[in-house]
């Protein structure tokens, strides 16, 4: 059995979220610990454990997910001034949930390096 995550529970509506976009393939919702004025997580409804696992999927699945992340950023009107997309992978990358999720960060001038 695959590891149960908070995102599995959110998708089953067992844990509420502030959804900002949902379709048959993805759910986008506000991060509960925002690191920028706009901080949205975009998760695929098909469970993918990590960014590294994308290399094992069909290109159409990967491309569709990335396009949906871009669509959500545009829907939030972040495309004019810019935004950052973050995927954390593994312990050193600070991945805390074993379910791929894109962080969309925006609404202010972001700093570099990130950490």
PDB file of N, CA and C in Angstrom:
ATOM      1  N   UNK A   1       0.843  -1.199   0.000  1.00  0.00           N
ATOM      2  CA  UNK A   1       0.000   0.000   0.000  1.00  0.00           C
ATOM      3  C   UNK A   1       0.877   1.249   0.000  1.00  0.00           C
ATOM      4  N   UNK A   2       0.532   2.205  -0.834  1.00  0.00           N
ATOM      5  CA  UNK A   2       1.278   3.449  -0.894  1.00  0.00           C
ATOM      6  C   UNK A   2       1.044   4.253   0.378  1.00  0.00           C
ATOM      7  N   UNK A   3       2.053   5.033   0.730  1.00  0.00           N
ATOM      8  CA  UNK A   3       1.971   5.877   1.919  1.00  0.00           C
ATOM      9  C   UNK A   3       0.801   6.854   1.825  1.00  0.00           C
ATOM     10  N   UNK A   4       0.046   6.946   2.895  1.00  0.00           N
ATOM     11  CA  UNK A   4      -1.064   7.894   2.997  1.00  0.00           C
ATOM     12  C   UNK A   4      -0.487   9.265   3.366  1.00  0.00           C
ATOM     13  N   UNK A   5      -0.893  10.305   2.644  1.00  0.00           N
ATOM     14  CA  UNK A   5      -0.400  11.653   2.918  1.00  0.00           C
ATOM     15  C   UNK A   5      -1.556  12.606   3.191  1.00  0.00           C
ATOM     16  N   UNK A   6      -1.199  13.769   3.664  1.00  0.00           N
ATOM     17  CA  UNK A   6      -2.205  14.809   3.895  1.00  0.00           C
ATOM     18  C   UNK A   6      -2.902  15.178   2.590  1.00  0.00           C
ATOM     19  N   UNK A   7      -2.186  15.107   1.466  1.00  0.00           N
ATOM     20  CA  UNK A   7      -2.803  15.457   0.186  1.00  0.00           C
ATOM     21  C   UNK A   7      -3.839  14.426  -0.244  1.00  0.00           C
ATOM     22  N   UNK A   8      -3.608  13.150   0.089  1.00  0.00           N
ATOM     23  CA  UNK A   8      -4.633  12.135  -0.175  1.00  0.00           C
ATOM     24  C   UNK A   8      -5.908  12.481   0.574  1.00  0.00           C
ATOM     25  N   UNK A   9      -5.762  12.898   1.825  1.00  0.00           N
ATOM     26  CA  UNK A   9      -6.924  13.245   2.648  1.00  0.00           C
ATOM     27  C   UNK A   9      -7.611  14.509   2.149  1.00  0.00           C
ATOM     28  N   UNK A  10      -6.824  15.473   1.671  1.00  0.00           N
ATOM     29  CA  UNK A  10      -7.410  16.693   1.098  1.00  0.00           C
ATOM     30  C   UNK A  10      -8.213  16.349  -0.156  1.00  0.00           C
ATOM     31  N   UNK A  11      -7.663  15.499  -1.014  1.00  0.00           N
ATOM     32  CA  UNK A  11      -8.382  15.112  -2.232  1.00  0.00           C
ATOM     33  C   UNK A  11      -9.685  14.381  -1.929  1.00  0.00           C
ATOM     34  N   UNK A  12      -9.697  13.613  -0.839  1.00  0.00           N
ATOM     35  CA  UNK A  12     -10.930  12.905  -0.448  1.00  0.00           C
ATOM     36  C   UNK A  12     -11.870  13.790   0.376  1.00  0.00           C
ATOM     37  N   UNK A  13     -11.488  15.048   0.560  1.00  0.00           N
ATOM     38  CA  UNK A  13     -12.292  16.036   1.307  1.00  0.00           C
ATOM     39  C   UNK A  13     -12.387  15.695   2.804  1.00  0.00           C
ATOM     40  N   UNK A  14     -11.455  14.888   3.300  1.00  0.00           N
ATOM     41  CA  UNK A  14     -11.404  14.580   4.733  1.00  0.00           C
ATOM     42  C   UNK A  14     -10.757  15.718   5.508  1.00  0.00           C
ATOM     43  N   UNK A  15      -9.901  16.479   4.853  1.00  0.00           N
ATOM     44  CA  UNK A  15      -9.269  17.666   5.427  1.00  0.00           C
ATOM     45  C   UNK A  15      -9.638  18.822   4.510  1.00  0.00           C
ATOM     46  N   UNK A  16     -10.179  19.908   5.068  1.00  0.00           N
ATOM     47  CA  UNK A  16     -10.573  21.030   4.210  1.00  0.00           C
ATOM     48  C   UNK A  16      -9.353  21.806   3.711  1.00  0.00           C
ATOM     49  N   UNK A  17      -9.556  22.474   2.594  1.00  0.00           N
ATOM     50  CA  UNK A  17      -8.532  23.367   2.057  1.00  0.00           C
ATOM     51  C   UNK A  17      -9.243  24.553   1.423  1.00  0.00           C
ATOM     52  N   UNK A  18      -8.481  25.617   1.188  1.00  0.00           N
ATOM     53  CA  UNK A  18      -9.015  26.779   0.478  1.00  0.00           C
ATOM     54  C   UNK A  18      -8.647  26.612  -0.991  1.00  0.00           C
ATOM     55  N   UNK A  19      -9.487  25.883  -1.703  1.00  0.00           N
ATOM     56  CA  UNK A  19      -9.241  25.602  -3.113  1.00  0.00           C
ATOM     57  C   UNK A  19      -9.396  26.867  -3.936  1.00  0.00           C
ATOM     58  N   UNK A  20      -8.490  27.051  -4.902  1.00  0.00           N
ATOM     59  CA  UNK A  20      -8.611  28.178  -5.817  1.00  0.00           C
ATOM     60  C   UNK A  20      -8.822  27.705  -7.252  1.00  0.00           C
ATOM     61  N   UNK A  21      -8.561  26.415  -7.502  1.00  0.00           N
ATOM     62  CA  UNK A  21      -8.816  25.845  -8.821  1.00  0.00           C
ATOM     63  C   UNK A  21      -8.871  24.331  -8.686  1.00  0.00           C
ATOM     64  N   UNK A  22      -9.790  23.717  -9.432  1.00  0.00           N
ATOM     65  CA  UNK A  22      -9.871  22.260  -9.468  1.00  0.00           C
ATOM     66  C   UNK A  22     -10.450  21.830 -10.805  1.00  0.00           C
ATOM     67  N   UNK A  23      -9.877  20.772 -11.358  1.00  0.00           N
ATOM     68  CA  UNK A  23     -10.439  20.142 -12.535  1.00  0.00           C
ATOM     69  C   UNK A  23     -10.255  18.632 -12.384  1.00  0.00           C
ATOM     70  N   UNK A  24     -10.409  17.882 -13.451  1.00  0.00           N
ATOM     71  CA  UNK A  24     -10.300  16.427 -13.361  1.00  0.00           C
ATOM     72  C   UNK A  24      -8.887  15.946 -13.033  1.00  0.00           C
ATOM     73  N   UNK A  25      -7.882  16.798 -13.283  1.00  0.00           N
ATOM     74  CA  UNK A  25      -6.492  16.367 -13.149  1.00  0.00           C
ATOM     75  C   UNK A  25      -5.727  16.952 -11.970  1.00  0.00           C
ATOM     76  N   UNK A  26      -6.080  18.162 -11.533  1.00  0.00           N
ATOM     77  CA  UNK A  26      -5.315  18.834 -10.476  1.00  0.00           C
ATOM     78  C   UNK A  26      -6.231  19.526  -9.476  1.00  0.00           C
ATOM     79  N   UNK A  27      -5.635  19.792  -8.318  1.00  0.00           N
ATOM     80  CA  UNK A  27      -6.265  20.632  -7.297  1.00  0.00           C
ATOM     81  C   UNK A  27      -5.230  21.667  -6.886  1.00  0.00           C
ATOM     82  N   UNK A  28      -5.623  22.934  -6.877  1.00  0.00           N
ATOM     83  CA  UNK A  28      -4.761  24.025  -6.434  1.00  0.00           C
ATOM     84  C   UNK A  28      -5.407  24.677  -5.228  1.00  0.00           C
ATOM     85  N   UNK A  29      -4.607  24.882  -4.185  1.00  0.00           N
ATOM     86  CA  UNK A  29      -5.154  25.441  -2.952  1.00  0.00           C
ATOM     87  C   UNK A  29      -4.101  26.244  -2.203  1.00  0.00           C
ATOM     88  N   UNK A  30      -4.560  27.088  -1.287  1.00  0.00           N
ATOM     89  CA  UNK A  30      -3.674  27.940  -0.511  1.00  0.00           C
ATOM     90  C   UNK A  30      -2.836  27.102   0.456  1.00  0.00           C
ATOM     91  N   UNK A  31      -1.547  27.434   0.554  1.00  0.00           N
ATOM     92  CA  UNK A  31      -0.659  26.787   1.518  1.00  0.00           C
ATOM     93  C   UNK A  31      -1.046  27.260   2.918  1.00  0.00           C
ATOM     94  N   UNK A  32      -1.054  26.351   3.886  1.00  0.00           N
ATOM     95  CA  UNK A  32      -1.429  26.730   5.257  1.00  0.00           C
ATOM     96  C   UNK A  32      -0.307  27.476   5.977  1.00  0.00           C
ATOM     97  N   UNK A  33       0.897  27.471   5.423  1.00  0.00           N
ATOM     98  CA  UNK A  33       2.035  28.187   5.996  1.00  0.00           C
ATOM     99  C   UNK A  33       2.673  29.028   4.888  1.00  0.00           C
ATOM    100  N   UNK A  34       1.985  30.084   4.436  1.00  0.00           N
ATOM    101  CA  UNK A  34       2.455  30.824   3.268  1.00  0.00           C
ATOM    102  C   UNK A  34       3.811  31.500   3.486  1.00  0.00           C
ATOM    103  N   UNK A  35       4.638  31.439   2.442  1.00  0.00           N
ATOM    104  CA  UNK A  35       5.965  32.051   2.467  1.00  0.00           C
ATOM    105  C   UNK A  35       6.025  33.295   1.577  1.00  0.00           C
ATOM    106  N   UNK A  36       4.891  33.684   1.031  1.00  0.00           N
ATOM    107  CA  UNK A  36       4.759  34.881   0.195  1.00  0.00           C
ATOM    108  C   UNK A  36       3.289  35.283   0.235  1.00  0.00           C
ATOM    109  N   UNK A  37       2.974  36.531  -0.174  1.00  0.00           N
ATOM    110  CA  UNK A  37       1.567  36.940  -0.177  1.00  0.00           C
ATOM    111  C   UNK A  37       0.668  35.969  -0.947  1.00  0.00           C
ATOM    112  N   UNK A  38       1.167  35.429  -2.038  1.00  0.00           N
ATOM    113  CA  UNK A  38       0.463  34.373  -2.758  1.00  0.00           C
ATOM    114  C   UNK A  38       1.317  33.118  -2.657  1.00  0.00           C
ATOM    115  N   UNK A  39       0.766  32.064  -2.074  1.00  0.00           N
ATOM    116  CA  UNK A  39       1.480  30.789  -1.954  1.00  0.00           C
ATOM    117  C   UNK A  39       0.451  29.683  -2.143  1.00  0.00           C
ATOM    118  N   UNK A  40       0.479  29.114  -3.333  1.00  0.00           N
ATOM    119  CA  UNK A  40      -0.495  28.104  -3.740  1.00  0.00           C
ATOM    120  C   UNK A  40       0.227  26.791  -4.001  1.00  0.00           C
ATOM    121  N   UNK A  41      -0.395  25.688  -3.607  1.00  0.00           N
ATOM    122  CA  UNK A  41       0.110  24.361  -3.933  1.00  0.00           C
ATOM    123  C   UNK A  41      -0.754  23.788  -5.052  1.00  0.00           C
ATOM    124  N   UNK A  42      -0.103  23.140  -6.015  1.00  0.00           N
ATOM    125  CA  UNK A  42      -0.826  22.488  -7.106  1.00  0.00           C
ATOM    126  C   UNK A  42      -0.434  21.017  -7.080  1.00  0.00           C
ATOM    127  N   UNK A  43      -1.430  20.161  -6.841  1.00  0.00           N
ATOM    128  CA  UNK A  43      -1.168  18.723  -6.779  1.00  0.00           C
ATOM    129  C   UNK A  43      -1.943  18.013  -7.883  1.00  0.00           C
ATOM    130  N   UNK A  44      -1.329  16.993  -8.462  1.00  0.00           N
ATOM    131  CA  UNK A  44      -2.080  16.184  -9.426  1.00  0.00           C
ATOM    132  C   UNK A  44      -3.021  15.250  -8.679  1.00  0.00           C
ATOM    133  N   UNK A  45      -4.118  14.913  -9.277  1.00  0.00           N
ATOM    134  CA  UNK A  45      -5.031  13.958  -8.643  1.00  0.00           C
ATOM    135  C   UNK A  45      -4.521  12.537  -8.788  1.00  0.00           C
ATOM    136  N   UNK A  46      -3.662  12.308  -9.755  1.00  0.00           N
ATOM    137  CA  UNK A  46      -2.964  11.025  -9.875  1.00  0.00           C
ATOM    138  C   UNK A  46      -1.744  11.099  -8.951  1.00  0.00           C
ATOM    139  N   UNK A  47      -1.672  10.208  -7.997  1.00  0.00           N
ATOM    140  CA  UNK A  47      -0.607  10.281  -6.998  1.00  0.00           C
ATOM    141  C   UNK A  47       0.759  10.013  -7.615  1.00  0.00           C
ATOM    142  N   UNK A  48       1.648  10.969  -7.421  1.00  0.00           N
ATOM    143  CA  UNK A  48       3.042  10.889  -7.847  1.00  0.00           C
ATOM    144  C   UNK A  48       3.863  11.232  -6.614  1.00  0.00           C
ATOM    145  N   UNK A  49       4.751  10.342  -6.168  1.00  0.00           N
ATOM    146  CA  UNK A  49       5.418  10.560  -4.880  1.00  0.00           C
ATOM    147  C   UNK A  49       6.439  11.687  -4.847  1.00  0.00           C
ATOM    148  N   UNK A  50       7.078  12.011  -5.976  1.00  0.00           N
ATOM    149  CA  UNK A  50       8.137  13.019  -5.935  1.00  0.00           C
ATOM    150  C   UNK A  50       8.422  13.554  -7.328  1.00  0.00           C
ATOM    151  N   UNK A  51       9.194  14.622  -7.385  1.00  0.00           N
ATOM    152  CA  UNK A  51       9.587  15.204  -8.662  1.00  0.00           C
ATOM    153  C   UNK A  51      10.371  14.191  -9.486  1.00  0.00           C
ATOM    154  N   UNK A  52      11.246  13.426  -8.833  1.00  0.00           N
ATOM    155  CA  UNK A  52      12.058  12.420  -9.506  1.00  0.00           C
ATOM    156  C   UNK A  52      11.193  11.378 -10.219  1.00  0.00           C
ATOM    157  N   UNK A  53      10.035  11.078  -9.666  1.00  0.00           N
ATOM    158  CA  UNK A  53       9.143  10.068 -10.253  1.00  0.00           C
ATOM    159  C   UNK A  53       8.565  10.518 -11.594  1.00  0.00           C
ATOM    160  N   UNK A  54       8.621  11.818 -11.886  1.00  0.00           N
ATOM    161  CA  UNK A  54       8.113  12.292 -13.178  1.00  0.00           C
ATOM    162  C   UNK A  54       8.844  11.648 -14.345  1.00  0.00           C
ATOM    163  N   UNK A  55      10.114  11.283 -14.133  1.00  0.00           N
ATOM    164  CA  UNK A  55      10.908  10.696 -15.221  1.00  0.00           C
ATOM    165  C   UNK A  55      10.378   9.333 -15.659  1.00  0.00           C
ATOM    166  N   UNK A  56       9.526   8.723 -14.852  1.00  0.00           N
ATOM    167  CA  UNK A  56       8.986   7.408 -15.165  1.00  0.00           C
ATOM    168  C   UNK A  56       7.592   7.479 -15.800  1.00  0.00           C
ATOM    169  N   UNK A  57       7.063   8.678 -15.946  1.00  0.00           N
ATOM    170  CA  UNK A  57       5.708   8.847 -16.477  1.00  0.00           C
ATOM    171  C   UNK A  57       5.721   9.227 -17.950  1.00  0.00           C
ATOM    172  N   UNK A  58       4.576   9.063 -18.583  1.00  0.00           N
ATOM    173  CA  UNK A  58       4.418   9.457 -19.971  1.00  0.00           C
ATOM    174  C   UNK A  58       4.587  10.970 -20.085  1.00  0.00           C
ATOM    175  N   UNK A  59       5.187  11.398 -21.180  1.00  0.00           N
ATOM    176  CA  UNK A  59       5.421  12.830 -21.384  1.00  0.00           C
ATOM    177  C   UNK A  59       4.121  13.621 -21.366  1.00  0.00           C
ATOM    178  N   UNK A  60       3.052  13.045 -21.875  1.00  0.00           N
ATOM    179  CA  UNK A  60       1.769  13.756 -21.906  1.00  0.00           C
ATOM    180  C   UNK A  60       1.262  14.041 -20.490  1.00  0.00           C
ATOM    181  N   UNK A  61       1.465  13.114 -19.567  1.00  0.00           N
ATOM    182  CA  UNK A  61       1.026  13.300 -18.186  1.00  0.00           C
ATOM    183  C   UNK A  61       1.847  14.415 -17.530  1.00  0.00           C
ATOM    184  N   UNK A  62       3.154  14.353 -17.709  1.00  0.00           N
ATOM    185  CA  UNK A  62       4.046  15.359 -17.132  1.00  0.00           C
ATOM    186  C   UNK A  62       3.750  16.736 -17.724  1.00  0.00           C
ATOM    187  N   UNK A  63       3.639  16.784 -19.044  1.00  0.00           N
ATOM    188  CA  UNK A  63       3.366  18.052 -19.716  1.00  0.00           C
ATOM    189  C   UNK A  63       2.041  18.660 -19.291  1.00  0.00           C
ATOM    190  N   UNK A  64       1.035  17.841 -19.149  1.00  0.00           N
ATOM    191  CA  UNK A  64      -0.274  18.325 -18.721  1.00  0.00           C
ATOM    192  C   UNK A  64      -0.202  18.929 -17.319  1.00  0.00           C
ATOM    193  N   UNK A  65       0.503  18.255 -16.423  1.00  0.00           N
ATOM    194  CA  UNK A  65       0.626  18.767 -15.054  1.00  0.00           C
ATOM    195  C   UNK A  65       1.348  20.117 -15.050  1.00  0.00           C
ATOM    196  N   UNK A  66       2.457  20.219 -15.747  1.00  0.00           N
ATOM    197  CA  UNK A  66       3.213  21.474 -15.785  1.00  0.00           C
ATOM    198  C   UNK A  66       2.372  22.588 -16.409  1.00  0.00           C
ATOM    199  N   UNK A  67       1.629  22.272 -17.466  1.00  0.00           N
ATOM    200  CA  UNK A  67       0.762  23.269 -18.076  1.00  0.00           C
ATOM    201  C   UNK A  67      -0.312  23.744 -17.105  1.00  0.00           C
ATOM    202  N   UNK A  68      -0.836  22.839 -16.284  1.00  0.00           N
ATOM    203  CA  UNK A  68      -1.855  23.235 -15.302  1.00  0.00           C
ATOM    204  C   UNK A  68      -1.257  24.162 -14.243  1.00  0.00           C
ATOM    205  N   UNK A  69      -0.006  23.900 -13.837  1.00  0.00           N
ATOM    206  CA  UNK A  69       0.666  24.795 -12.881  1.00  0.00           C
ATOM    207  C   UNK A  69       0.757  26.198 -13.486  1.00  0.00           C
ATOM    208  N   UNK A  70       1.185  26.291 -14.743  1.00  0.00           N
ATOM    209  CA  UNK A  70       1.274  27.587 -15.419  1.00  0.00           C
ATOM    210  C   UNK A  70      -0.105  28.244 -15.543  1.00  0.00           C
ATOM    211  N   UNK A  71      -1.134  27.453 -15.828  1.00  0.00           N
ATOM    212  CA  UNK A  71      -2.494  27.970 -15.935  1.00  0.00           C
ATOM    213  C   UNK A  71      -2.943  28.596 -14.610  1.00  0.00           C
ATOM    214  N   UNK A  72      -2.661  27.908 -13.507  1.00  0.00           N
ATOM    215  CA  UNK A  72      -3.057  28.420 -12.187  1.00  0.00           C
ATOM    216  C   UNK A  72      -2.334  29.740 -11.900  1.00  0.00           C
ATOM    217  N   UNK A  73      -1.035  29.819 -12.203  1.00  0.00           N
ATOM    218  CA  UNK A  73      -0.290  31.065 -11.981  1.00  0.00           C
ATOM    219  C   UNK A  73      -0.908  32.209 -12.784  1.00  0.00           C
ATOM    220  N   UNK A  74      -1.277  31.933 -14.024  1.00  0.00           N
ATOM    221  CA  UNK A  74      -1.905  32.964 -14.860  1.00  0.00           C
ATOM    222  C   UNK A  74      -3.278  33.336 -14.308  1.00  0.00           C
ATOM    223  N   UNK A  75      -4.030  32.358 -13.854  1.00  0.00           N
ATOM    224  CA  UNK A  75      -5.354  32.598 -13.255  1.00  0.00           C
ATOM    225  C   UNK A  75      -5.243  33.532 -12.044  1.00  0.00           C
ATOM    226  N   UNK A  76      -4.127  33.451 -11.331  1.00  0.00           N
ATOM    227  CA  UNK A  76      -3.883  34.303 -10.168  1.00  0.00           C
ATOM    228  C   UNK A  76      -3.331  35.675 -10.557  1.00  0.00           C
ATOM    229  N   UNK A  77      -3.195  35.929 -11.869  1.00  0.00           N
ATOM    230  CA  UNK A  77      -2.663  37.188 -12.404  1.00  0.00           C
ATOM    231  C   UNK A  77      -1.230  37.457 -11.959  1.00  0.00           C
ATOM    232  N   UNK A  78      -0.463  36.404 -11.769  1.00  0.00           N
ATOM    233  CA  UNK A  78       0.933  36.560 -11.363  1.00  0.00           C
ATOM    234  C   UNK A  78       1.862  36.730 -12.562  1.00  0.00           C
ATOM    235  N   UNK A  79       1.371  36.474 -13.758  1.00  0.00           N
ATOM    236  CA  UNK A  79       2.230  36.497 -14.940  1.00  0.00           C
ATOM    237  C   UNK A  79       2.770  37.888 -15.262  1.00  0.00           C
ATOM    238  N   UNK A  80       2.094  38.955 -14.844  1.00  0.00           N
ATOM    239  CA  UNK A  80       2.536  40.315 -15.166  1.00  0.00           C
ATOM    240  C   UNK A  80       3.841  40.658 -14.438  1.00  0.00           C
ATOM    241  N   UNK A  81       3.889  40.450 -13.128  1.00  0.00           N
ATOM    242  CA  UNK A  81       5.058  40.847 -12.346  1.00  0.00           C
ATOM    243  C   UNK A  81       6.018  39.698 -12.055  1.00  0.00           C
ATOM    244  N   UNK A  82       5.563  38.482 -12.219  1.00  0.00           N
ATOM    245  CA  UNK A  82       6.434  37.327 -12.032  1.00  0.00           C
ATOM    246  C   UNK A  82       6.102  36.520 -10.790  1.00  0.00           C
ATOM    247  N   UNK A  83       6.656  35.327 -10.751  1.00  0.00           N
ATOM    248  CA  UNK A  83       6.403  34.386  -9.670  1.00  0.00           C
ATOM    249  C   UNK A  83       7.482  33.322  -9.685  1.00  0.00           C
ATOM    250  N   UNK A  84       7.472  32.486  -8.696  1.00  0.00           N
ATOM    251  CA  UNK A  84       8.434  31.380  -8.608  1.00  0.00           C
ATOM    252  C   UNK A  84       7.661  30.081  -8.463  1.00  0.00           C
ATOM    253  N   UNK A  85       8.141  29.050  -9.163  1.00  0.00           N
ATOM    254  CA  UNK A  85       7.614  27.694  -9.020  1.00  0.00           C
ATOM    255  C   UNK A  85       8.687  26.886  -8.306  1.00  0.00           C
ATOM    256  N   UNK A  86       8.306  26.189  -7.243  1.00  0.00           N
ATOM    257  CA  UNK A  86       9.258  25.387  -6.472  1.00  0.00           C
ATOM    258  C   UNK A  86       8.739  23.965  -6.352  1.00  0.00           C
ATOM    259  N   UNK A  87       9.622  23.010  -6.648  1.00  0.00           N
ATOM    260  CA  UNK A  87       9.390  21.597  -6.375  1.00  0.00           C
ATOM    261  C   UNK A  87      10.483  21.159  -5.410  1.00  0.00           C
ATOM    262  N   UNK A  88      10.107  20.669  -4.253  1.00  0.00           N
ATOM    263  CA  UNK A  88      11.089  20.138  -3.305  1.00  0.00           C
ATOM    264  C   UNK A  88      11.192  18.634  -3.522  1.00  0.00           C
ATOM    265  N   UNK A  89      12.441  18.125  -3.463  1.00  0.00           N
ATOM    266  CA  UNK A  89      12.635  16.689  -3.637  1.00  0.00           C
ATOM    267  C   UNK A  89      13.606  16.162  -2.591  1.00  0.00           C
ATOM    268  N   UNK A  90      13.161  15.181  -1.840  1.00  0.00           N
ATOM    269  CA  UNK A  90      14.027  14.493  -0.888  1.00  0.00           C
ATOM    270  C   UNK A  90      14.320  15.290   0.375  1.00  0.00           C
ATOM    271  N   UNK A  91      15.063  14.648   1.250  1.00  0.00           N
ATOM    272  CA  UNK A  91      15.385  15.224   2.565  1.00  0.00           C
ATOM    273  C   UNK A  91      16.125  16.550   2.435  1.00  0.00           C
ATOM    274  N   UNK A  92      17.181  16.582   1.631  1.00  0.00           N
ATOM    275  CA  UNK A  92      17.960  17.808   1.499  1.00  0.00           C
ATOM    276  C   UNK A  92      17.192  18.907   0.781  1.00  0.00           C
ATOM    277  N   UNK A  93      16.227  18.530  -0.029  1.00  0.00           N
ATOM    278  CA  UNK A  93      15.390  19.505  -0.717  1.00  0.00           C
ATOM    279  C   UNK A  93      14.201  19.961   0.105  1.00  0.00           C
ATOM    280  N   UNK A  94      14.097  19.453   1.336  1.00  0.00           N
ATOM    281  CA  UNK A  94      13.015  19.814   2.258  1.00  0.00           C
ATOM    282  C   UNK A  94      11.639  19.347   1.800  1.00  0.00           C
ATOM    283  N   UNK A  95      11.579  18.204   1.093  1.00  0.00           N
ATOM    284  CA  UNK A  95      10.277  17.639   0.753  1.00  0.00           C
ATOM    285  C   UNK A  95       9.695  17.030   2.021  1.00  0.00           C
ATOM    286  N   UNK A  96       8.551  17.546   2.463  1.00  0.00           N
ATOM    287  CA  UNK A  96       7.947  17.085   3.711  1.00  0.00           C
ATOM    288  C   UNK A  96       6.745  16.180   3.504  1.00  0.00           C
ATOM    289  N   UNK A  97       6.209  16.156   2.288  1.00  0.00           N
ATOM    290  CA  UNK A  97       5.080  15.292   1.957  1.00  0.00           C
ATOM    291  C   UNK A  97       5.483  14.478   0.726  1.00  0.00           C
ATOM    292  N   UNK A  98       5.378  13.165   0.820  1.00  0.00           N
ATOM    293  CA  UNK A  98       5.753  12.296  -0.294  1.00  0.00           C
ATOM    294  C   UNK A  98       4.631  12.216  -1.328  1.00  0.00           C
ATOM    295  N   UNK A  99       4.371  13.351  -1.916  1.00  0.00           N
ATOM    296  CA  UNK A  99       3.354  13.516  -2.963  1.00  0.00           C
ATOM    297  C   UNK A  99       3.778  14.778  -3.702  1.00  0.00           C
ATOM    298  N   UNK A 100       4.021  14.676  -4.990  1.00  0.00           N
ATOM    299  CA  UNK A 100       4.523  15.846  -5.712  1.00  0.00           C
ATOM    300  C   UNK A 100       3.561  17.016  -5.574  1.00  0.00           C
ATOM    301  N   UNK A 101       4.135  18.184  -5.402  1.00  0.00           N
ATOM    302  CA  UNK A 101       3.335  19.392  -5.352  1.00  0.00           C
ATOM    303  C   UNK A 101       4.198  20.576  -5.771  1.00  0.00           C
ATOM    304  N   UNK A 102       3.624  21.398  -6.612  1.00  0.00           N
ATOM    305  CA  UNK A 102       4.286  22.621  -7.055  1.00  0.00           C
ATOM    306  C   UNK A 102       3.850  23.750  -6.135  1.00  0.00           C
ATOM    307  N   UNK A 103       4.825  24.498  -5.648  1.00  0.00           N
ATOM    308  CA  UNK A 103       4.546  25.721  -4.894  1.00  0.00           C
ATOM    309  C   UNK A 103       4.584  26.879  -5.890  1.00  0.00           C
ATOM    310  N   UNK A 104       3.526  27.660  -5.939  1.00  0.00           N
ATOM    311  CA  UNK A 104       3.524  28.901  -6.715  1.00  0.00           C
ATOM    312  C   UNK A 104       3.641  30.029  -5.700  1.00  0.00           C
ATOM    313  N   UNK A 105       4.717  30.789  -5.796  1.00  0.00           N
ATOM    314  CA  UNK A 105       4.979  31.885  -4.861  1.00  0.00           C
ATOM    315  C   UNK A 105       5.016  33.199  -5.626  1.00  0.00           C
ATOM    316  N   UNK A 106       4.318  34.206  -5.128  1.00  0.00           N
ATOM    317  CA  UNK A 106       4.316  35.495  -5.801  1.00  0.00           C
ATOM    318  C   UNK A 106       3.673  36.564  -4.948  1.00  0.00           C
ATOM    319  N   UNK A 107       3.448  37.706  -5.572  1.00  0.00           N
ATOM    320  CA  UNK A 107       2.810  38.817  -4.879  1.00  0.00           C
ATOM    321  C   UNK A 107       3.791  39.751  -4.195  1.00  0.00           C
ATOM    322  N   UNK A 108       5.095  39.515  -4.368  1.00  0.00           N
ATOM    323  CA  UNK A 108       6.132  40.399  -3.833  1.00  0.00           C
ATOM    324  C   UNK A 108       7.436  40.093  -4.560  1.00  0.00           C
ATOM    325  N   UNK A 109       8.427  40.959  -4.372  1.00  0.00           N
ATOM    326  CA  UNK A 109       9.763  40.700  -4.917  1.00  0.00           C
ATOM    327  C   UNK A 109      10.395  39.589  -4.092  1.00  0.00           C
ATOM    328  N   UNK A 110      10.645  38.459  -4.725  1.00  0.00           N
ATOM    329  CA  UNK A 110      11.243  37.304  -4.035  1.00  0.00           C
ATOM    330  C   UNK A 110      12.760  37.458  -3.977  1.00  0.00           C
ATOM    331  N   UNK A 111      13.362  36.867  -2.973  1.00  0.00           N
ATOM    332  CA  UNK A 111      14.802  36.983  -2.764  1.00  0.00           C
ATOM    333  C   UNK A 111      15.545  35.795  -3.359  1.00  0.00           C
ATOM    334  N   UNK A 112      16.838  36.016  -3.652  1.00  0.00           N
ATOM    335  CA  UNK A 112      17.709  34.952  -4.136  1.00  0.00           C
ATOM    336  C   UNK A 112      19.064  35.117  -3.478  1.00  0.00           C
ATOM    337  N   UNK A 113      19.713  34.112  -3.000  1.00  0.00           N
ATOM    338  CA  UNK A 113      19.298  32.710  -3.075  1.00  0.00           C
ATOM    339  C   UNK A 113      18.201  32.397  -2.077  1.00  0.00           C
ATOM    340  N   UNK A 114      17.430  31.342  -2.361  1.00  0.00           N
ATOM    341  CA  UNK A 114      16.287  31.020  -1.503  1.00  0.00           C
ATOM    342  C   UNK A 114      16.657  30.387  -0.168  1.00  0.00           C
ATOM    343  N   UNK A 115      17.818  29.788  -0.035  1.00  0.00           N
ATOM    344  CA  UNK A 115      18.132  29.215   1.272  1.00  0.00           C
ATOM    345  C   UNK A 115      19.179  28.152   1.252  1.00  0.00           C
TER     346      UNK A 115
END
